[in-house]
């Protein structure tokens, strides 16, 4: 039986390159600003995030919200209903949300198991897992929303495998509403993918 290990990509002091490193505990959480990343002119070499080290800790605290400065990217505007902002619970009740980070619903009493026999408050969990953004939807409305590490509602963030989760949730919502069937082929809904690796 395999024993799980905590592996974090860190910068090797010998080579200056990222390398997987086994740790006993998570590194101490820091923001990009606290780590001094990409600050100054010129930026000190050990604080510079670039193509060769953007996936290493703590550089990810800066790189995940600055991918357009590291890799070719394009801003694609959403149009129509897909581009509308999600409604929040305060808006539907006529109240205004003055502080996005405070959230719309009080979640301070929520605790989560830390996996080591103790529990964290929601804020402690978000801090220790270096969360940049946290959003809770309930019945189509935003009921809690918090941002950290310099993020806000408009900050772009790398998605990685979250893309699959979001796509799956949206596909199931489309199935439930009758807009698509479980056995539909992808090309029925996105015919542009017919001659690609995504085609059946």
N, C-alpha and C. Protein backbone atom coordinates (compact mmCIF):
# COMPACT_ATOMS: atom_id res chain seq x y z
N UNK A 1 0.84 -1.18 0.00
CA UNK A 1 0.00 0.00 0.00
C UNK A 1 0.88 1.25 0.00
N UNK A 2 0.52 2.22 -0.80
CA UNK A 2 1.29 3.45 -0.89
C UNK A 2 0.96 4.39 0.26
N UNK A 3 1.98 5.05 0.76
CA UNK A 3 1.78 6.06 1.80
C UNK A 3 1.75 7.42 1.14
N UNK A 4 0.69 8.20 1.35
CA UNK A 4 0.65 9.53 0.72
C UNK A 4 1.77 10.42 1.25
N UNK A 5 2.32 11.23 0.36
CA UNK A 5 3.36 12.18 0.74
C UNK A 5 2.99 13.56 0.24
N UNK A 6 3.42 14.57 0.97
CA UNK A 6 3.22 15.95 0.56
C UNK A 6 4.41 16.36 -0.30
N UNK A 7 4.14 16.62 -1.57
CA UNK A 7 5.20 17.02 -2.49
C UNK A 7 4.87 18.41 -3.02
N UNK A 8 5.80 19.33 -2.86
CA UNK A 8 5.64 20.71 -3.30
C UNK A 8 6.80 21.04 -4.22
N UNK A 9 6.53 21.76 -5.30
CA UNK A 9 7.60 22.19 -6.19
C UNK A 9 8.25 23.43 -5.60
N UNK A 10 9.55 23.30 -5.28
CA UNK A 10 10.32 24.40 -4.71
C UNK A 10 11.51 24.70 -5.62
N UNK A 11 12.10 25.87 -5.46
CA UNK A 11 13.29 26.24 -6.22
C UNK A 11 14.50 25.58 -5.55
N UNK A 12 15.29 24.84 -6.32
CA UNK A 12 16.49 24.21 -5.81
C UNK A 12 17.55 25.28 -5.53
N UNK A 13 18.11 25.32 -4.31
CA UNK A 13 19.16 26.30 -4.03
C UNK A 13 20.43 26.04 -4.85
N UNK A 14 20.63 24.78 -5.26
CA UNK A 14 21.82 24.44 -6.04
C UNK A 14 21.72 24.89 -7.49
N UNK A 15 20.55 24.68 -8.10
CA UNK A 15 20.42 24.95 -9.54
C UNK A 15 19.58 26.18 -9.85
N UNK A 16 18.78 26.63 -8.88
CA UNK A 16 17.88 27.75 -9.15
C UNK A 16 16.66 27.36 -9.96
N UNK A 17 16.47 26.05 -10.16
CA UNK A 17 15.34 25.56 -10.96
C UNK A 17 14.31 24.87 -10.07
N UNK A 18 13.06 24.81 -10.54
CA UNK A 18 12.03 24.11 -9.76
C UNK A 18 12.32 22.62 -9.67
N UNK A 19 12.02 22.04 -8.50
CA UNK A 19 12.14 20.59 -8.35
C UNK A 19 11.11 20.12 -7.33
N UNK A 20 10.51 18.94 -7.56
CA UNK A 20 9.57 18.40 -6.57
C UNK A 20 10.32 18.09 -5.28
N UNK A 21 9.75 18.51 -4.15
CA UNK A 21 10.39 18.33 -2.85
C UNK A 21 9.36 17.76 -1.89
N UNK A 22 9.73 16.68 -1.18
CA UNK A 22 8.85 16.08 -0.19
C UNK A 22 8.96 16.85 1.12
N UNK A 23 7.82 17.24 1.67
CA UNK A 23 7.78 18.00 2.92
C UNK A 23 6.92 17.29 3.94
N UNK A 24 7.16 17.57 5.22
CA UNK A 24 6.32 17.02 6.28
C UNK A 24 5.08 17.88 6.51
N UNK A 25 5.21 19.19 6.29
CA UNK A 25 4.09 20.12 6.47
C UNK A 25 4.08 21.11 5.32
N UNK A 26 2.93 21.72 5.10
CA UNK A 26 2.82 22.74 4.05
C UNK A 26 3.73 23.92 4.37
N UNK A 27 4.26 24.58 3.33
CA UNK A 27 5.03 25.80 3.59
C UNK A 27 4.14 26.86 4.23
N UNK A 28 4.75 27.77 4.96
CA UNK A 28 4.00 28.86 5.59
C UNK A 28 3.34 29.70 4.50
N UNK A 29 2.02 29.92 4.58
CA UNK A 29 1.34 30.70 3.55
C UNK A 29 1.85 32.14 3.49
N UNK A 30 2.06 32.64 2.28
CA UNK A 30 2.43 34.04 2.06
C UNK A 30 1.69 34.54 0.83
N UNK A 31 1.50 35.84 0.76
CA UNK A 31 0.97 36.44 -0.46
C UNK A 31 2.15 36.77 -1.36
N UNK A 32 1.87 37.10 -2.61
CA UNK A 32 2.93 37.50 -3.53
C UNK A 32 3.65 38.73 -3.00
N UNK A 33 2.91 39.65 -2.41
CA UNK A 33 3.51 40.87 -1.86
C UNK A 33 4.40 40.54 -0.67
N UNK A 34 3.92 39.68 0.23
CA UNK A 34 4.72 39.29 1.39
C UNK A 34 6.00 38.58 0.97
N UNK A 35 5.94 37.83 -0.13
CA UNK A 35 7.12 37.13 -0.63
C UNK A 35 8.04 38.06 -1.41
N UNK A 36 7.59 39.28 -1.68
CA UNK A 36 8.41 40.25 -2.41
C UNK A 36 8.58 39.93 -3.88
N UNK A 37 7.64 39.17 -4.44
CA UNK A 37 7.77 38.73 -5.83
C UNK A 37 7.49 39.87 -6.81
N UNK A 38 8.34 39.98 -7.81
CA UNK A 38 8.18 40.92 -8.92
C UNK A 38 8.04 42.37 -8.44
N UNK A 39 8.81 42.72 -7.41
CA UNK A 39 8.79 44.08 -6.87
C UNK A 39 10.17 44.69 -7.06
N UNK A 40 10.21 45.93 -7.49
CA UNK A 40 11.47 46.64 -7.66
C UNK A 40 11.85 46.78 -9.12
N UNK A 41 12.82 47.63 -9.36
CA UNK A 41 13.31 47.83 -10.72
C UNK A 41 14.81 48.08 -10.67
N UNK A 42 15.60 47.12 -11.06
CA UNK A 42 15.17 45.81 -11.56
C UNK A 42 14.72 44.89 -10.42
N UNK A 43 13.92 43.90 -10.77
CA UNK A 43 13.48 42.90 -9.80
C UNK A 43 14.68 42.03 -9.44
N UNK A 44 14.96 41.83 -8.14
CA UNK A 44 16.07 40.95 -7.76
C UNK A 44 15.87 39.55 -8.37
N UNK A 45 16.94 38.93 -8.80
CA UNK A 45 16.87 37.64 -9.50
C UNK A 45 16.09 36.60 -8.69
N UNK A 46 16.30 36.54 -7.37
CA UNK A 46 15.62 35.52 -6.57
C UNK A 46 14.14 35.83 -6.34
N UNK A 47 13.68 37.00 -6.78
CA UNK A 47 12.27 37.37 -6.64
C UNK A 47 11.59 37.50 -7.99
N UNK A 48 12.32 37.15 -9.05
CA UNK A 48 11.79 37.28 -10.41
C UNK A 48 11.09 36.00 -10.81
N UNK A 49 9.85 36.11 -11.29
CA UNK A 49 9.08 34.96 -11.76
C UNK A 49 9.15 34.94 -13.28
N UNK A 50 9.51 33.79 -13.85
CA UNK A 50 9.68 33.68 -15.30
C UNK A 50 9.26 32.29 -15.77
N UNK A 51 9.43 32.04 -17.07
CA UNK A 51 9.00 30.76 -17.67
C UNK A 51 9.60 29.55 -16.97
N UNK A 52 10.80 29.70 -16.44
CA UNK A 52 11.48 28.54 -15.84
C UNK A 52 11.12 28.26 -14.40
N UNK A 53 10.44 29.18 -13.71
CA UNK A 53 10.18 28.95 -12.28
C UNK A 53 8.76 29.29 -11.82
N UNK A 54 7.87 29.56 -12.76
CA UNK A 54 6.53 30.03 -12.38
C UNK A 54 5.70 28.99 -11.65
N UNK A 55 6.05 27.70 -11.76
CA UNK A 55 5.27 26.65 -11.10
C UNK A 55 5.79 26.31 -9.70
N UNK A 56 6.85 26.96 -9.26
CA UNK A 56 7.45 26.66 -7.95
C UNK A 56 6.89 27.58 -6.86
N UNK A 57 6.84 27.05 -5.65
CA UNK A 57 6.43 27.83 -4.49
C UNK A 57 7.55 28.77 -4.09
N UNK A 58 7.32 29.99 -3.70
CA UNK A 58 6.05 30.70 -3.61
C UNK A 58 5.69 31.46 -4.89
N UNK A 59 6.44 31.22 -5.98
CA UNK A 59 6.21 31.97 -7.22
C UNK A 59 4.79 31.82 -7.74
N UNK A 60 4.14 30.71 -7.42
CA UNK A 60 2.76 30.50 -7.86
C UNK A 60 1.82 31.54 -7.28
N UNK A 61 2.20 32.14 -6.16
CA UNK A 61 1.35 33.17 -5.56
C UNK A 61 1.24 34.39 -6.47
N UNK A 62 2.24 34.60 -7.32
CA UNK A 62 2.20 35.70 -8.29
C UNK A 62 1.77 35.19 -9.67
N UNK A 63 2.34 34.08 -10.10
CA UNK A 63 2.15 33.63 -11.48
C UNK A 63 0.71 33.25 -11.80
N UNK A 64 -0.02 32.67 -10.87
CA UNK A 64 -1.38 32.21 -11.17
C UNK A 64 -2.33 33.35 -11.53
N UNK A 65 -1.99 34.58 -11.15
CA UNK A 65 -2.83 35.72 -11.52
C UNK A 65 -2.14 36.64 -12.53
N UNK A 66 -1.02 36.20 -13.07
CA UNK A 66 -0.28 37.01 -14.05
C UNK A 66 0.15 36.17 -15.25
N UNK A 67 -0.63 35.16 -15.61
CA UNK A 67 -0.24 34.29 -16.72
C UNK A 67 -0.11 35.06 -18.03
N UNK A 68 -0.88 36.14 -18.17
CA UNK A 68 -0.78 36.92 -19.41
C UNK A 68 0.58 37.60 -19.54
N UNK A 69 1.34 37.68 -18.46
CA UNK A 69 2.69 38.24 -18.51
C UNK A 69 3.75 37.16 -18.71
N UNK A 70 3.36 35.89 -18.61
CA UNK A 70 4.30 34.78 -18.72
C UNK A 70 4.11 33.95 -19.98
N UNK A 71 2.90 33.85 -20.45
CA UNK A 71 2.58 33.03 -21.61
C UNK A 71 1.65 33.80 -22.53
N UNK A 72 1.64 33.42 -23.79
CA UNK A 72 0.72 34.05 -24.74
C UNK A 72 -0.71 33.79 -24.28
N UNK A 73 -1.50 34.83 -24.25
CA UNK A 73 -2.89 34.68 -23.84
C UNK A 73 -3.72 35.75 -24.52
N UNK A 74 -5.01 35.53 -24.54
CA UNK A 74 -5.92 36.50 -25.15
C UNK A 74 -7.13 36.66 -24.24
N UNK A 75 -7.60 37.87 -24.12
CA UNK A 75 -8.81 38.14 -23.35
C UNK A 75 -9.99 37.95 -24.31
N UNK A 76 -10.88 37.03 -23.98
CA UNK A 76 -12.04 36.75 -24.81
C UNK A 76 -13.27 37.24 -24.06
N UNK A 77 -13.94 38.21 -24.64
CA UNK A 77 -15.11 38.79 -23.98
C UNK A 77 -16.29 37.84 -24.08
N UNK A 78 -16.99 37.68 -22.98
CA UNK A 78 -18.22 36.90 -22.98
C UNK A 78 -19.34 37.82 -23.46
N UNK A 79 -20.27 37.27 -24.21
CA UNK A 79 -21.36 38.10 -24.71
C UNK A 79 -22.70 37.51 -24.34
N UNK A 80 -23.72 38.33 -24.40
CA UNK A 80 -25.07 37.86 -24.11
C UNK A 80 -25.22 37.45 -22.67
N UNK A 81 -26.17 36.57 -22.40
CA UNK A 81 -26.43 36.16 -21.02
C UNK A 81 -25.22 35.54 -20.34
N UNK A 82 -24.33 34.88 -21.13
CA UNK A 82 -23.16 34.25 -20.53
C UNK A 82 -22.21 35.29 -19.96
N UNK A 83 -22.29 36.54 -20.44
CA UNK A 83 -21.40 37.59 -19.96
C UNK A 83 -21.96 38.38 -18.80
N UNK A 84 -23.19 38.09 -18.39
CA UNK A 84 -23.79 38.83 -17.28
C UNK A 84 -23.15 38.42 -15.96
N UNK A 85 -23.06 39.38 -15.04
CA UNK A 85 -22.55 39.07 -13.71
C UNK A 85 -23.54 38.17 -12.98
N UNK A 86 -23.01 37.31 -12.14
CA UNK A 86 -23.88 36.47 -11.32
C UNK A 86 -24.60 37.34 -10.30
N UNK A 87 -25.90 37.12 -10.12
CA UNK A 87 -26.61 37.91 -9.12
C UNK A 87 -26.20 37.47 -7.72
N UNK A 88 -26.16 38.41 -6.78
CA UNK A 88 -25.88 38.01 -5.41
C UNK A 88 -27.14 38.17 -4.56
N UNK A 89 -27.14 37.48 -3.44
CA UNK A 89 -28.32 37.44 -2.59
C UNK A 89 -28.71 38.83 -2.10
N UNK A 90 -27.73 39.69 -1.82
CA UNK A 90 -28.05 41.05 -1.36
C UNK A 90 -28.74 41.86 -2.44
N UNK A 91 -28.31 41.68 -3.70
CA UNK A 91 -28.92 42.44 -4.80
C UNK A 91 -30.39 42.08 -4.95
N UNK A 92 -30.70 40.78 -4.82
CA UNK A 92 -32.10 40.37 -4.99
C UNK A 92 -32.97 40.81 -3.82
N UNK A 93 -32.33 41.10 -2.67
CA UNK A 93 -33.11 41.55 -1.51
C UNK A 93 -33.11 43.07 -1.41
N UNK A 94 -32.46 43.75 -2.38
CA UNK A 94 -32.43 45.21 -2.37
C UNK A 94 -31.30 45.78 -1.55
N UNK A 95 -30.44 44.93 -0.96
CA UNK A 95 -29.31 45.41 -0.17
C UNK A 95 -28.08 45.48 -1.06
N UNK A 96 -27.17 46.37 -0.73
CA UNK A 96 -25.92 46.44 -1.47
C UNK A 96 -24.83 45.79 -0.66
N UNK A 97 -23.91 45.12 -1.35
CA UNK A 97 -22.77 44.49 -0.69
C UNK A 97 -21.61 45.47 -0.73
N UNK A 98 -21.29 46.07 0.39
CA UNK A 98 -20.24 47.08 0.43
C UNK A 98 -18.85 46.48 0.50
N UNK A 99 -18.72 45.25 0.92
CA UNK A 99 -17.40 44.67 1.12
C UNK A 99 -17.38 43.26 0.56
N UNK A 100 -16.83 43.09 -0.66
CA UNK A 100 -16.80 41.77 -1.30
C UNK A 100 -16.09 40.74 -0.43
N UNK A 101 -14.97 41.12 0.21
CA UNK A 101 -14.20 40.16 0.98
C UNK A 101 -14.94 39.70 2.22
N UNK A 102 -15.86 40.52 2.73
CA UNK A 102 -16.61 40.12 3.91
C UNK A 102 -17.61 39.03 3.57
N UNK A 103 -17.96 38.90 2.30
CA UNK A 103 -18.91 37.89 1.88
C UNK A 103 -20.34 38.36 2.11
N UNK A 104 -21.27 37.63 1.55
CA UNK A 104 -22.68 37.99 1.64
C UNK A 104 -23.38 37.22 2.74
N UNK A 105 -22.82 36.10 3.13
CA UNK A 105 -23.39 35.26 4.18
C UNK A 105 -22.30 35.05 5.22
N UNK A 106 -22.66 35.08 6.48
CA UNK A 106 -21.68 34.90 7.55
C UNK A 106 -21.30 33.42 7.63
N UNK A 107 -20.07 33.13 7.25
CA UNK A 107 -19.57 31.75 7.29
C UNK A 107 -18.56 31.55 8.41
N UNK A 108 -18.46 32.53 9.32
CA UNK A 108 -17.44 32.47 10.37
C UNK A 108 -17.58 31.25 11.28
N UNK A 109 -18.79 30.73 11.44
CA UNK A 109 -18.98 29.58 12.31
C UNK A 109 -18.67 28.24 11.65
N UNK A 110 -18.40 28.27 10.35
CA UNK A 110 -18.13 27.04 9.61
C UNK A 110 -16.73 26.54 9.92
N UNK A 111 -16.59 25.26 10.27
CA UNK A 111 -15.28 24.66 10.50
C UNK A 111 -15.10 23.47 9.58
N UNK A 112 -13.84 23.19 9.26
CA UNK A 112 -13.50 22.06 8.40
C UNK A 112 -12.41 21.23 9.07
N UNK A 113 -12.44 19.93 8.83
CA UNK A 113 -11.42 19.02 9.35
C UNK A 113 -10.12 19.30 8.62
N UNK A 114 -9.03 19.48 9.36
CA UNK A 114 -7.75 19.78 8.72
C UNK A 114 -7.00 18.52 8.26
N UNK A 115 -7.60 17.35 8.47
CA UNK A 115 -6.97 16.11 8.06
C UNK A 115 -5.97 15.57 9.06
N UNK A 116 -5.70 16.33 10.11
CA UNK A 116 -4.72 15.90 11.12
C UNK A 116 -5.33 15.79 12.51
N UNK A 117 -6.64 15.68 12.58
CA UNK A 117 -7.29 15.52 13.87
C UNK A 117 -7.76 16.82 14.50
N UNK A 118 -7.51 17.93 13.84
CA UNK A 118 -7.98 19.23 14.34
C UNK A 118 -8.93 19.83 13.32
N UNK A 119 -9.43 21.00 13.65
CA UNK A 119 -10.30 21.67 12.70
C UNK A 119 -9.85 23.11 12.50
N UNK A 120 -10.19 23.66 11.35
CA UNK A 120 -9.91 25.05 11.01
C UNK A 120 -11.23 25.77 10.81
N UNK A 121 -11.24 27.06 11.08
CA UNK A 121 -12.36 27.87 10.64
C UNK A 121 -12.23 27.99 9.13
N UNK A 122 -13.28 28.44 8.48
CA UNK A 122 -13.21 28.62 7.03
C UNK A 122 -12.07 29.55 6.65
N UNK A 123 -11.93 30.68 7.36
CA UNK A 123 -10.85 31.62 7.03
C UNK A 123 -9.47 31.00 7.23
N UNK A 124 -9.31 30.18 8.27
CA UNK A 124 -8.02 29.50 8.48
C UNK A 124 -7.74 28.52 7.35
N UNK A 125 -8.76 27.79 6.92
CA UNK A 125 -8.59 26.85 5.82
C UNK A 125 -8.20 27.58 4.53
N UNK A 126 -8.89 28.68 4.24
CA UNK A 126 -8.58 29.45 3.03
C UNK A 126 -7.16 30.01 3.11
N UNK A 127 -6.72 30.43 4.29
CA UNK A 127 -5.37 30.95 4.47
C UNK A 127 -4.32 29.85 4.28
N UNK A 128 -4.50 28.73 4.97
CA UNK A 128 -3.50 27.66 4.93
C UNK A 128 -3.43 26.96 3.57
N UNK A 129 -4.49 27.02 2.80
CA UNK A 129 -4.47 26.42 1.46
C UNK A 129 -4.14 27.44 0.38
N UNK A 130 -3.75 28.65 0.81
CA UNK A 130 -3.33 29.72 -0.12
C UNK A 130 -4.39 29.99 -1.18
N UNK A 131 -5.63 30.01 -0.75
CA UNK A 131 -6.74 30.28 -1.66
C UNK A 131 -6.69 31.73 -2.12
N UNK A 132 -6.91 31.95 -3.41
CA UNK A 132 -6.95 33.31 -3.96
C UNK A 132 -8.38 33.83 -4.07
N UNK A 133 -9.31 32.94 -4.39
CA UNK A 133 -10.70 33.35 -4.53
C UNK A 133 -11.62 32.26 -4.03
N UNK A 134 -12.72 32.65 -3.42
CA UNK A 134 -13.67 31.70 -2.85
C UNK A 134 -15.07 32.22 -3.14
N UNK A 135 -15.90 31.40 -3.80
CA UNK A 135 -17.24 31.82 -4.16
C UNK A 135 -18.21 30.67 -3.91
N UNK A 136 -19.33 30.97 -3.30
CA UNK A 136 -20.37 29.97 -3.06
C UNK A 136 -21.62 30.41 -3.79
N UNK A 137 -22.13 29.53 -4.66
CA UNK A 137 -23.40 29.77 -5.35
C UNK A 137 -24.47 28.89 -4.72
N UNK A 138 -25.66 29.44 -4.56
CA UNK A 138 -26.80 28.67 -4.08
C UNK A 138 -28.02 29.10 -4.87
N UNK A 139 -28.60 28.15 -5.59
CA UNK A 139 -29.78 28.42 -6.41
C UNK A 139 -29.56 29.61 -7.36
N UNK A 140 -28.39 29.62 -7.97
CA UNK A 140 -28.09 30.62 -8.99
C UNK A 140 -27.68 31.98 -8.47
N UNK A 141 -27.50 32.11 -7.16
CA UNK A 141 -27.08 33.40 -6.60
C UNK A 141 -25.80 33.24 -5.79
N UNK A 142 -24.95 34.27 -5.85
CA UNK A 142 -23.74 34.28 -5.04
C UNK A 142 -24.14 34.57 -3.60
N UNK A 143 -23.82 33.63 -2.70
CA UNK A 143 -24.16 33.84 -1.29
C UNK A 143 -22.92 34.10 -0.43
N UNK A 144 -21.74 33.82 -0.96
CA UNK A 144 -20.49 34.14 -0.26
C UNK A 144 -19.41 34.34 -1.29
N UNK A 145 -18.56 35.33 -1.06
CA UNK A 145 -17.53 35.67 -2.04
C UNK A 145 -16.39 36.35 -1.29
N UNK A 146 -15.18 35.79 -1.42
CA UNK A 146 -14.01 36.37 -0.74
C UNK A 146 -12.81 36.28 -1.66
N UNK A 147 -11.95 37.28 -1.59
CA UNK A 147 -10.74 37.31 -2.41
C UNK A 147 -9.53 37.62 -1.54
N UNK A 148 -8.39 37.06 -1.96
CA UNK A 148 -7.15 37.20 -1.20
C UNK A 148 -5.99 37.40 -2.17
N UNK A 149 -4.81 37.71 -1.64
CA UNK A 149 -3.58 37.79 -2.44
C UNK A 149 -3.70 38.81 -3.58
N UNK A 150 -4.42 39.91 -3.32
CA UNK A 150 -4.53 40.96 -4.33
C UNK A 150 -5.58 40.73 -5.39
N UNK A 151 -6.36 39.66 -5.28
CA UNK A 151 -7.40 39.39 -6.27
C UNK A 151 -8.67 40.17 -5.97
N UNK A 152 -9.48 40.37 -7.02
CA UNK A 152 -10.84 40.87 -6.87
C UNK A 152 -11.69 40.20 -7.94
N UNK A 153 -12.94 40.61 -8.08
CA UNK A 153 -13.86 39.97 -9.03
C UNK A 153 -13.34 39.97 -10.46
N UNK A 154 -12.56 40.96 -10.83
CA UNK A 154 -12.14 41.09 -12.22
C UNK A 154 -10.78 40.46 -12.52
N UNK A 155 -10.10 39.93 -11.51
CA UNK A 155 -8.76 39.36 -11.72
C UNK A 155 -8.86 38.03 -12.46
N UNK A 156 -8.06 37.90 -13.51
CA UNK A 156 -8.00 36.60 -14.20
C UNK A 156 -7.05 35.68 -13.42
N UNK A 157 -7.40 34.40 -13.38
CA UNK A 157 -6.64 33.41 -12.61
C UNK A 157 -6.53 32.14 -13.44
N UNK A 158 -5.38 31.51 -13.44
CA UNK A 158 -5.22 30.26 -14.17
C UNK A 158 -6.20 29.22 -13.60
N UNK A 159 -6.77 28.40 -14.48
CA UNK A 159 -7.80 27.46 -14.04
C UNK A 159 -7.30 26.03 -13.87
N UNK A 160 -6.31 25.60 -14.65
CA UNK A 160 -5.83 24.22 -14.59
C UNK A 160 -7.02 23.25 -14.66
N UNK A 161 -7.05 22.26 -13.79
CA UNK A 161 -8.08 21.22 -13.85
C UNK A 161 -9.45 21.70 -13.37
N UNK A 162 -9.52 22.91 -12.81
CA UNK A 162 -10.84 23.47 -12.47
C UNK A 162 -11.70 23.57 -13.72
N UNK A 163 -11.07 23.70 -14.88
CA UNK A 163 -11.81 23.80 -16.14
C UNK A 163 -12.72 22.60 -16.31
N UNK A 164 -12.21 21.40 -15.99
CA UNK A 164 -13.03 20.19 -16.13
C UNK A 164 -14.21 20.21 -15.17
N UNK A 165 -13.97 20.66 -13.95
CA UNK A 165 -15.04 20.71 -12.95
C UNK A 165 -16.13 21.69 -13.37
N UNK A 166 -15.73 22.89 -13.77
CA UNK A 166 -16.72 23.90 -14.19
C UNK A 166 -17.48 23.41 -15.41
N UNK A 167 -16.77 22.84 -16.39
CA UNK A 167 -17.42 22.33 -17.60
C UNK A 167 -18.41 21.22 -17.25
N UNK A 168 -18.01 20.32 -16.35
CA UNK A 168 -18.90 19.23 -15.94
C UNK A 168 -20.16 19.72 -15.25
N UNK A 169 -20.01 20.70 -14.36
CA UNK A 169 -21.17 21.26 -13.65
C UNK A 169 -22.10 21.94 -14.65
N UNK A 170 -21.54 22.72 -15.58
CA UNK A 170 -22.37 23.39 -16.58
C UNK A 170 -23.06 22.38 -17.49
N UNK A 171 -22.35 21.31 -17.87
CA UNK A 171 -22.95 20.29 -18.72
C UNK A 171 -24.11 19.61 -18.00
N UNK A 172 -23.94 19.30 -16.72
CA UNK A 172 -25.03 18.66 -15.97
C UNK A 172 -26.22 19.60 -15.81
N UNK A 173 -25.96 20.90 -15.66
CA UNK A 173 -27.06 21.87 -15.60
C UNK A 173 -27.80 21.90 -16.93
N UNK A 174 -27.05 21.80 -18.04
CA UNK A 174 -27.68 21.78 -19.37
C UNK A 174 -28.50 20.51 -19.56
N UNK A 175 -28.01 19.38 -19.06
CA UNK A 175 -28.75 18.12 -19.14
C UNK A 175 -30.03 18.24 -18.32
N UNK A 176 -29.92 18.76 -17.11
CA UNK A 176 -31.09 18.88 -16.24
C UNK A 176 -32.15 19.80 -16.84
N UNK A 177 -31.71 20.85 -17.54
CA UNK A 177 -32.67 21.78 -18.14
C UNK A 177 -33.21 21.28 -19.48
N UNK A 178 -32.65 20.17 -19.99
CA UNK A 178 -33.11 19.62 -21.25
C UNK A 178 -32.41 20.20 -22.47
N UNK A 179 -31.41 21.04 -22.26
CA UNK A 179 -30.69 21.66 -23.38
C UNK A 179 -29.74 20.70 -24.07
N UNK A 180 -29.37 19.62 -23.40
CA UNK A 180 -28.53 18.58 -24.01
C UNK A 180 -28.82 17.25 -23.34
N UNK A 181 -28.40 16.19 -24.00
CA UNK A 181 -28.61 14.84 -23.46
C UNK A 181 -27.27 14.26 -23.02
N UNK A 182 -27.33 13.34 -22.07
CA UNK A 182 -26.10 12.72 -21.54
C UNK A 182 -25.29 12.03 -22.63
N UNK A 183 -25.96 11.48 -23.65
CA UNK A 183 -25.22 10.75 -24.68
C UNK A 183 -24.92 11.60 -25.91
N UNK A 184 -25.16 12.90 -25.85
CA UNK A 184 -24.78 13.78 -26.96
C UNK A 184 -23.27 13.77 -27.13
N UNK A 185 -22.84 13.81 -28.37
CA UNK A 185 -21.42 13.97 -28.65
C UNK A 185 -21.04 15.44 -28.51
N UNK A 186 -19.81 15.70 -28.14
CA UNK A 186 -19.33 17.07 -27.98
C UNK A 186 -19.54 17.88 -29.25
N UNK A 187 -19.33 17.25 -30.39
CA UNK A 187 -19.43 17.97 -31.67
C UNK A 187 -20.85 18.41 -32.01
N UNK A 188 -21.85 17.86 -31.34
CA UNK A 188 -23.23 18.32 -31.53
C UNK A 188 -23.36 19.76 -31.05
N UNK A 189 -22.67 20.07 -29.98
CA UNK A 189 -22.77 21.40 -29.37
C UNK A 189 -21.62 22.33 -29.74
N UNK A 190 -20.48 21.75 -30.11
CA UNK A 190 -19.33 22.55 -30.54
C UNK A 190 -18.80 21.93 -31.83
N UNK A 191 -19.49 22.18 -32.96
CA UNK A 191 -19.10 21.54 -34.23
C UNK A 191 -17.70 21.91 -34.69
N UNK A 192 -17.16 23.03 -34.20
CA UNK A 192 -15.81 23.44 -34.58
C UNK A 192 -14.75 22.44 -34.13
N UNK A 193 -15.09 21.54 -33.22
CA UNK A 193 -14.13 20.55 -32.72
C UNK A 193 -14.17 19.24 -33.51
N UNK A 194 -14.92 19.21 -34.60
CA UNK A 194 -15.11 17.97 -35.37
C UNK A 194 -13.80 17.38 -35.88
N UNK A 195 -12.86 18.18 -36.29
CA UNK A 195 -11.60 17.67 -36.85
C UNK A 195 -10.43 17.84 -35.90
N UNK A 196 -10.69 17.69 -34.62
CA UNK A 196 -9.63 17.83 -33.62
C UNK A 196 -9.55 16.55 -32.79
N UNK A 197 -8.63 16.54 -31.86
CA UNK A 197 -8.46 15.38 -30.98
C UNK A 197 -9.67 15.18 -30.06
N UNK A 198 -10.53 16.19 -29.94
CA UNK A 198 -11.71 16.08 -29.08
C UNK A 198 -12.89 15.43 -29.79
N UNK A 199 -12.76 15.20 -31.08
CA UNK A 199 -13.85 14.57 -31.84
C UNK A 199 -13.93 13.09 -31.47
N UNK A 200 -15.13 12.51 -31.55
CA UNK A 200 -15.28 11.08 -31.22
C UNK A 200 -14.59 10.19 -32.24
